Protein backbone atom coordinates (compact mmCIF):
# COMPACT_ATOMS: atom_id res chain seq x y z
CA MET A 1 0.00 0.00 0.00
CA LYS A 2 3.03 2.33 0.34
CA LEU A 3 3.28 3.04 -3.39
CA LEU A 4 -0.48 3.56 -3.67
CA MET A 5 -0.32 6.14 -0.87
CA LYS A 6 2.61 7.88 -2.56
CA LEU A 7 0.80 7.96 -5.89
CA ALA A 8 -2.36 9.32 -4.25
CA LYS A 9 -0.51 12.52 -3.35
CA ASP A 10 -0.51 13.56 -7.04
CA LEU A 11 -4.29 14.10 -7.14
CA GLY A 12 -4.82 14.23 -3.39
CA ALA A 13 -7.44 11.50 -3.29
CA ILE A 14 -7.96 7.76 -2.93
CA LYS A 15 -11.15 6.11 -4.17
CA VAL A 16 -12.49 3.09 -2.30
CA ILE A 17 -15.25 1.00 -3.76
CA GLY A 18 -16.11 -2.64 -3.19
CA GLY A 19 -13.17 -3.22 -0.85
CA PHE A 20 -10.54 -1.90 -3.28
CA ALA A 21 -8.56 1.33 -3.00
CA THR A 22 -7.51 3.17 -6.17
CA ALA A 23 -4.93 5.91 -6.67
CA THR A 24 -3.92 7.45 -9.99
CA ASN A 25 -1.97 10.25 -11.64
CA LEU A 26 -3.76 9.51 -14.96
CA ALA A 27 -0.66 7.89 -16.50
CA LEU A 28 -0.39 5.25 -13.75
CA THR A 29 -3.12 3.65 -11.66
CA ILE A 30 -2.65 1.33 -8.66
CA ILE A 31 -5.49 -0.73 -7.18
CA GLU A 32 -5.16 -2.71 -3.95
CA PRO A 33 -7.61 -4.40 -1.54
CA CYS A 34 -8.43 -2.51 1.66
CA ASP A 35 -10.82 -2.60 4.63
CA LYS A 36 -12.26 0.92 4.27
CA ASN A 37 -15.85 1.89 3.45
CA ASP A 38 -16.75 3.16 -0.01
CA GLY A 39 -15.91 6.82 -0.58
CA LEU A 40 -13.17 9.29 -1.43
CA TYR A 41 -10.33 9.74 1.03
CA ASN A 42 -7.57 12.25 1.53
CA PRO A 43 -4.22 10.36 1.63
CA VAL A 44 -3.45 11.99 4.99
CA GLY A 45 -6.67 10.74 6.59
CA PHE A 46 -6.90 7.40 4.81
CA ALA A 47 -5.42 5.31 7.62
CA GLU A 48 -7.97 6.75 10.07
CA GLY A 49 -10.83 6.25 7.62
CA LEU A 50 -11.53 9.99 7.26
CA ASN A 51 -13.25 10.30 3.89
CA ILE A 52 -13.78 13.40 1.77
CA LYS A 53 -17.32 14.72 1.39
CA SER A 54 -17.28 14.42 -2.38
CA ALA A 55 -19.04 12.15 -4.86
CA LEU A 56 -17.16 9.13 -6.19
CA ASP A 57 -17.79 10.51 -9.69
CA ASP A 58 -15.35 13.31 -8.90
CA PHE A 59 -12.52 10.77 -9.07
CA PRO A 60 -11.04 10.18 -12.57
CA PRO A 61 -12.56 7.14 -14.30
CA SER A 62 -10.49 4.04 -14.98
CA PRO A 63 -8.79 3.96 -18.41
CA ASP A 64 -10.74 2.45 -21.29
CA LEU A 65 -8.48 -0.49 -22.11
CA GLY A 66 -10.31 -2.01 -25.06
CA ASP A 67 -9.67 -5.59 -26.13
CA CYS A 68 -6.87 -7.61 -24.54
CA LEU A 69 -4.21 -8.57 -27.10
CA GLY A 70 -2.69 -11.30 -24.94
CA GLU A 71 -0.80 -11.83 -21.71
CA ARG A 72 2.45 -13.18 -20.30
CA VAL A 73 3.87 -13.91 -16.87
CA TYR A 74 7.24 -12.25 -16.12
CA GLN A 75 9.78 -12.90 -13.42
CA VAL A 76 10.28 -9.81 -11.26
CA GLU A 77 14.03 -10.48 -11.17
CA ASP A 78 14.15 -10.23 -14.98
CA LEU A 79 12.41 -6.84 -14.93
CA GLU A 80 14.78 -5.69 -12.19
CA PHE A 81 17.84 -6.84 -14.16
CA VAL A 82 16.98 -4.96 -17.36
CA SER A 83 15.65 -1.89 -15.53
CA LYS A 84 19.23 -1.01 -14.53
CA ALA A 85 19.91 -0.12 -18.16
CA VAL A 86 16.89 2.18 -18.66
CA CYS A 87 17.84 5.56 -20.11
CA ASP A 88 17.24 8.78 -18.15
CA LYS A 89 18.05 11.21 -20.99
CA GLU A 90 15.07 13.40 -21.88
CA ALA A 91 15.86 13.37 -25.60
CA ARG A 92 15.52 9.58 -25.78
CA TYR A 93 11.98 9.21 -24.47
CA TYR A 94 11.56 5.87 -26.28
CA LEU A 95 14.33 4.42 -24.07
CA HIS A 96 12.66 5.55 -20.83
CA GLY A 97 11.24 2.12 -20.15
CA VAL A 98 11.44 -1.62 -20.68
CA TYR A 99 10.58 -3.07 -24.07
CA LEU A 100 8.27 -6.11 -24.04
CA ASN A 101 7.48 -8.06 -27.20
CA GLY A 102 6.35 -11.33 -25.65
CA LYS A 103 9.70 -13.01 -26.33
CA ASP A 104 12.28 -10.56 -24.97
CA VAL A 105 12.59 -8.13 -22.08
CA VAL A 106 14.97 -5.33 -23.12
CA ALA A 107 16.26 -1.97 -21.90
CA SER A 108 19.08 0.29 -23.07
CA ASP A 109 20.52 3.68 -22.21
CA GLY A 110 22.43 3.89 -25.49
CA HIS A 111 25.68 2.66 -23.91
CA THR A 112 24.53 -0.52 -22.20
CA LEU A 113 21.90 -2.99 -23.35
CA SER A 114 20.37 -5.56 -21.01
CA MET A 115 18.11 -8.30 -22.31
CA VAL A 116 16.36 -11.43 -21.09
CA ASN A 117 15.22 -13.94 -23.69
CA LEU A 118 12.08 -15.79 -22.60
CA GLY A 119 11.59 -17.86 -25.73
CA GLY A 120 8.36 -18.07 -27.65
CA SER A 121 7.22 -15.70 -30.38
CA VAL A 122 7.14 -11.94 -30.90
CA ASP A 123 3.50 -11.03 -30.25
CA PHE A 124 3.63 -7.48 -28.89
CA ASN A 125 5.44 -4.18 -29.37
CA HIS A 126 5.07 -2.31 -26.07
CA ILE A 127 7.37 -0.08 -24.03
CA LEU A 128 6.54 -0.16 -20.31
CA PRO A 129 7.47 3.23 -18.77
CA ASN A 130 10.12 3.17 -16.07
CA TYR A 131 7.72 4.60 -13.48
CA ALA A 132 5.52 1.52 -14.00
CA VAL A 133 8.55 -0.78 -13.75
CA LYS A 134 9.46 0.85 -10.43
CA ALA A 135 5.88 0.34 -9.24
CA ILE A 136 6.05 -3.36 -10.12
CA LEU A 137 9.37 -3.81 -8.33
CA GLY A 138 8.24 -1.87 -5.28
CA ILE A 139 4.93 -3.70 -4.88
CA ALA A 140 6.57 -7.09 -5.55
CA LYS A 141 9.09 -6.38 -2.79
CA GLU A 142 6.39 -5.22 -0.39
CA LYS A 143 4.19 -8.25 -1.05
CA LYS A 144 7.11 -10.67 -1.40
CA VAL A 145 6.05 -12.07 -4.78
CA GLY A 146 8.34 -13.11 -7.62
CA THR A 147 6.13 -12.84 -10.70
CA ALA A 148 4.01 -10.25 -12.49
CA ARG A 149 1.29 -11.16 -14.99
CA ILE A 150 0.95 -8.56 -17.72
CA GLU A 151 -2.05 -8.12 -20.00
CA PHE A 152 -1.34 -6.25 -23.23
CA TYR A 153 -3.71 -3.67 -24.70
CA THR A 154 -3.23 -1.23 -27.55
CA LYS A 155 -2.30 1.78 -25.41
CA HIS A 156 -2.11 0.30 -21.92
CA LEU A 157 -0.65 -2.54 -19.89
CA LYS A 158 -2.49 -4.11 -16.96
CA ILE A 159 -0.15 -5.72 -14.47
CA PHE A 160 -1.11 -8.11 -11.67
CA VAL A 161 1.39 -8.27 -8.79
CA GLY A 162 0.09 -10.39 -5.95
CA ASP A 163 -3.32 -8.95 -5.05
CA ALA A 164 -2.45 -5.53 -6.51
CA VAL A 165 -3.27 -4.27 -9.99
CA ILE A 166 -1.28 -1.66 -11.91
CA ILE A 167 -2.62 0.00 -15.06
CA SER A 168 -0.06 1.96 -17.05
CA ASP A 169 0.11 3.92 -20.26
CA VAL A 170 2.70 2.69 -22.75
CA ILE A 171 5.38 4.87 -24.29
CA ASP A 172 4.26 5.99 -27.73
CA GLY A 173 7.40 5.34 -29.73
CA ASN A 174 9.50 2.71 -31.49
CA PHE A 175 12.15 0.86 -29.55
CA PRO A 176 15.40 0.51 -31.57
CA ASP A 177 16.24 -2.79 -33.28
CA PHE A 178 18.31 -4.19 -30.42
CA ASN A 179 19.26 -7.35 -32.35
CA ARG A 180 21.52 -5.23 -34.58
CA VAL A 181 23.82 -4.32 -31.69
CA VAL A 182 24.16 -7.77 -30.14
CA PRO A 183 27.37 -9.26 -31.57
CA SER A 184 27.63 -12.91 -32.51
CA PRO A 185 29.59 -14.94 -29.90
CA GLU A 186 31.16 -17.01 -32.70
CA LYS A 187 33.12 -13.95 -33.89
CA ALA A 188 34.73 -13.20 -30.52
CA MET A 189 38.51 -12.89 -30.26
CA ILE A 190 38.59 -13.90 -26.61
CA VAL A 191 36.14 -15.87 -24.48
CA THR A 192 36.62 -15.62 -20.72
CA GLU A 193 34.67 -15.47 -17.47
CA PHE A 194 33.32 -12.24 -15.98
CA ASP A 195 32.61 -11.91 -12.26
CA VAL A 196 30.70 -8.72 -11.42
CA ALA A 197 31.45 -9.30 -7.72
CA GLU A 198 35.10 -8.43 -8.40
CA PHE A 199 34.04 -4.96 -9.47
CA LYS A 200 31.47 -4.50 -6.71
CA ALA A 201 34.17 -5.28 -4.15
CA GLN A 202 36.21 -2.36 -5.46
CA GLU A 203 33.29 -0.04 -6.25
CA LYS A 204 33.72 2.41 -3.38
CA THR A 205 37.47 2.75 -3.93
CA ILE A 206 37.10 3.33 -7.66
CA LYS A 207 34.28 5.85 -7.20
CA LEU A 208 36.36 7.86 -4.74
CA LEU A 209 39.21 7.94 -7.22
CA MET A 210 36.85 8.96 -10.00
CA LYS A 211 35.40 11.74 -7.85
CA ALA A 212 38.87 13.15 -7.28
CA ALA A 213 39.86 12.88 -10.94
CA ILE A 214 40.05 15.85 -13.27
CA SER A 215 38.31 14.01 -16.10
CA LEU A 216 34.84 12.67 -15.28
CA ASP A 217 34.94 10.59 -18.46
CA ASP A 218 37.65 8.28 -17.13
CA GLY A 219 36.61 4.67 -16.83
CA VAL A 220 37.88 1.31 -15.75
CA ILE A 221 40.59 -0.09 -18.02
CA LEU A 222 40.57 -3.84 -18.51
CA ASN A 223 43.84 -5.31 -19.68
CA ASP A 224 45.44 -8.76 -19.38
CA GLY A 225 43.72 -9.90 -16.21
CA LEU A 226 43.92 -6.54 -14.42
CA ALA A 227 41.36 -3.79 -13.95
CA SER A 228 42.85 -0.38 -13.29
CA TYR A 229 41.76 3.16 -12.64
CA GLN A 230 44.77 5.28 -13.48
CA ASP A 231 48.16 3.59 -13.64
CA ASP A 232 48.78 3.14 -9.92
CA HIS A 233 45.48 1.55 -8.91
CA GLN A 234 44.99 -2.04 -10.07
CA PHE A 235 43.14 -5.15 -8.94
CA PRO A 236 43.01 -8.61 -10.52
CA VAL A 237 39.98 -9.73 -12.52
CA SER A 238 39.20 -12.98 -14.25
CA CYS A 239 38.46 -11.43 -17.64
CA LYS A 240 41.51 -10.88 -19.83
CA ILE A 241 40.43 -8.29 -22.38
CA GLU A 242 41.56 -4.84 -23.35
CA GLY A 243 39.35 -1.77 -23.36
CA LYS A 244 38.01 1.14 -21.34
CA PHE A 245 34.51 0.92 -19.88
CA LYS A 246 32.48 2.88 -17.37
CA LEU A 247 32.24 1.21 -13.98
CA SER A 248 28.49 1.84 -13.86
CA GLN A 249 28.09 -0.17 -17.08
CA LEU A 250 30.10 -3.12 -15.78
CA LEU A 251 28.06 -3.22 -12.57
CA LYS A 252 24.83 -3.63 -14.56
CA ALA A 253 26.06 -6.88 -16.13
CA PRO A 254 25.56 -10.36 -14.69
CA SER A 255 28.41 -12.72 -13.89
CA GLY A 256 28.82 -14.99 -16.88
CA THR A 257 30.78 -15.69 -20.04
CA LEU A 258 32.38 -12.64 -21.60
CA TYR A 259 33.05 -12.33 -25.34
CA TYR A 260 35.58 -9.77 -26.52
CA PHE A 261 35.76 -8.52 -30.11
CA TYR A 262 37.98 -6.15 -32.06
CA ALA A 263 38.06 -2.61 -30.67
CA PRO A 264 35.96 -0.50 -30.70
CA GLU A 265 33.35 -3.26 -30.70
CA PRO A 266 31.29 -3.82 -27.52
CA ILE A 267 31.80 -6.65 -25.09
CA LEU A 268 29.10 -9.28 -24.82
CA ILE A 269 28.27 -11.03 -21.54
CA LEU A 270 25.96 -14.05 -21.50
CA ALA A 271 24.56 -15.64 -18.35
CA GLY A 272 21.84 -18.17 -19.01
CA ASN A 273 19.02 -16.31 -20.77
CA LYS A 274 20.44 -12.92 -19.73
CA THR A 275 22.49 -10.76 -22.11
CA SER A 276 24.51 -7.60 -21.55
CA VAL A 277 26.12 -5.55 -24.31
CA ILE A 278 28.53 -2.85 -23.12
CA MET A 279 30.10 -0.26 -25.37
CA PRO A 280 33.55 1.20 -24.67
CA ILE A 281 33.67 4.81 -23.50
CA ARG A 282 32.85 7.37 -26.20
CA GLN A 283 30.90 4.81 -28.21
CA GLN A 284 27.13 4.39 -28.29
CA LEU A 285 24.72 1.56 -28.99
CA THR A 286 21.97 3.55 -30.68
CA ASN A 287 21.47 6.85 -32.38
């Protein structure tokens, strides 16, 4: 109920009808069961059952979803994995969410691409906004559930997380062809193992060094089994490749098999059905 209460602050009201509380900001709606009587409530007085003396019709109506195009059950951990790569640049609004096509779960900030392949066929073409992804993750954590069932509609997604329901607009745009930037493992020069824990163990030290550096564009240099930030700070890593990558990009990847190609090609990391593509500094995945 925490996220519902937070969302309710946008319009200053919670609608309760038939044992279900609803909060919305028009782009996102959250519905959860509650024990309050029917009526409109101020978020501040909701816990005490202090309702607003207004008609229920004053509350915005639920979105008109239309016909359901299909549905799929997603693992919350998969949504959490790819969400780390969601873009926060205003100019790239079509990257401000997670792409769902029924087969893949994908996100990219233009420098890092994270993908989970679920198998099956490509049945949809929807971009779930990041604010809806955060709602799913937050409610799933609160209710301790590991899956989210998503129903697909033309302009909306209806998500079931435990006993909560989330209705979200979709991003009106075209997600880039991510398959074009995923290199083929067969063409790799070097195949080695990548352990993200090695980088997390050094994260604080490297960040402090970066903060003190003159150039904010400096990254972690990988070379012959060593990761270094500037020449006098090195720590051993399992992957033996050569290139310069942002620490934040490396921390988004899973531990798995790393494929290195000719510079300035990206590195590819595969871990089960999870994929990470990381571009070297000053390179980009998409235009």
